[in-house]
Structures are given as C-alpha cells and as structure tokens.
Amino acid sequence: MQELPDLSELSHSEKDELIRLLWSMLQSQSKQIAALQAQVADLQSRRNKKGSLEI
C-alpha cells in the first residue's frame, strides 16, 4: 500500500479489509520493534559488562 485510498469511495467491507490489513501490519511491526529493543538491551548489557572488566 503506497497511498491511503479515498475512504469515501470504499465499501464497508473494503474498509473492514483495510483495517484488518493495517492491524496485521501493526502487530507484525510491534513484534519486530520488541525484538530489536531486546537486542539493544542485550548489546548494552554486554557492553556494560565488558567495560566493567577493563578497570
């Protein structure tokens, strides 16, 4: 989906389909963000542990 369609021209079922598609995309991206946040936290933890060993 490149551009938002003209919502006034969509049928009720087409709007429902669009909502389901967008909801699915949102859920997928939320999972990806959570995974990336976990990776960042892990990397920060490793960096902090490595830094504390270099005293």
Protein backbone atom coordinates (compact mmCIF):
# COMPACT_ATOMS: atom_id res chain seq x y z
CA MET A 1 0.00 0.00 0.00
CA GLN A 2 1.66 3.19 -1.20
CA GLU A 3 -1.04 5.76 -0.57
CA LEU A 4 -4.14 5.87 1.55
CA PRO A 5 -7.14 5.16 -0.67
CA ASP A 6 -10.02 7.60 -0.79
CA LEU A 7 -12.00 6.25 2.14
CA SER A 8 -15.23 7.82 0.93
CA GLU A 9 -15.08 5.55 -2.12
CA LEU A 10 -14.55 2.31 -0.20
CA SER A 11 -17.38 -0.01 0.71
CA HIS A 12 -17.91 -1.08 4.30
CA SER A 13 -16.32 -4.47 3.59
CA GLU A 14 -13.34 -2.83 1.86
CA LYS A 15 -12.82 -0.63 4.91
CA ASP A 16 -13.01 -3.71 7.13
CA GLU A 17 -10.39 -5.40 4.96
CA LEU A 18 -8.14 -2.33 5.14
CA ILE A 19 -8.47 -2.21 8.93
CA ARG A 20 -7.57 -5.90 9.21
CA LEU A 21 -4.55 -5.40 6.94
CA LEU A 22 -3.34 -2.39 8.91
CA TRP A 23 -3.92 -4.20 12.23
CA SER A 24 -1.88 -7.15 10.99
CA MET A 25 0.93 -4.86 9.88
CA LEU A 26 0.87 -3.07 13.22
CA GLN A 27 1.10 -6.33 15.15
CA SER A 28 3.99 -7.53 12.99
CA GLN A 29 5.90 -4.27 13.37
CA SER A 30 5.26 -4.21 17.12
CA LYS A 31 6.85 -7.67 17.40
CA GLN A 32 9.81 -6.53 15.31
CA ILE A 33 10.28 -3.45 17.50
CA ALA A 34 10.15 -5.56 20.67
CA ALA A 35 12.77 -7.92 19.23
CA LEU A 36 15.04 -5.03 18.27
CA GLN A 37 14.63 -3.45 21.71
CA ALA A 38 15.63 -6.76 23.28
CA GLN A 39 18.72 -6.90 21.05
CA VAL A 40 19.69 -3.36 22.00
CA ALA A 41 19.25 -4.14 25.70
CA ASP A 42 21.39 -7.27 25.29
CA LEU A 43 24.12 -5.34 23.48
CA GLN A 44 24.07 -2.60 26.11
CA SER A 45 24.34 -5.20 28.85
CA ARG A 46 27.29 -6.87 27.14
CA ARG A 47 28.99 -3.52 26.62
CA ASN A 48 28.50 -2.60 30.28
CA LYS A 49 29.90 -5.95 31.44
CA LYS A 50 32.89 -5.64 29.12
CA GLY A 51 33.51 -2.08 30.29
CA SER A 52 33.42 -3.09 33.95
CA LEU A 53 36.11 -5.73 33.33
CA GLU A 54 38.54 -3.15 31.91
CA ILE A 55 39.31 -1.45 35.21
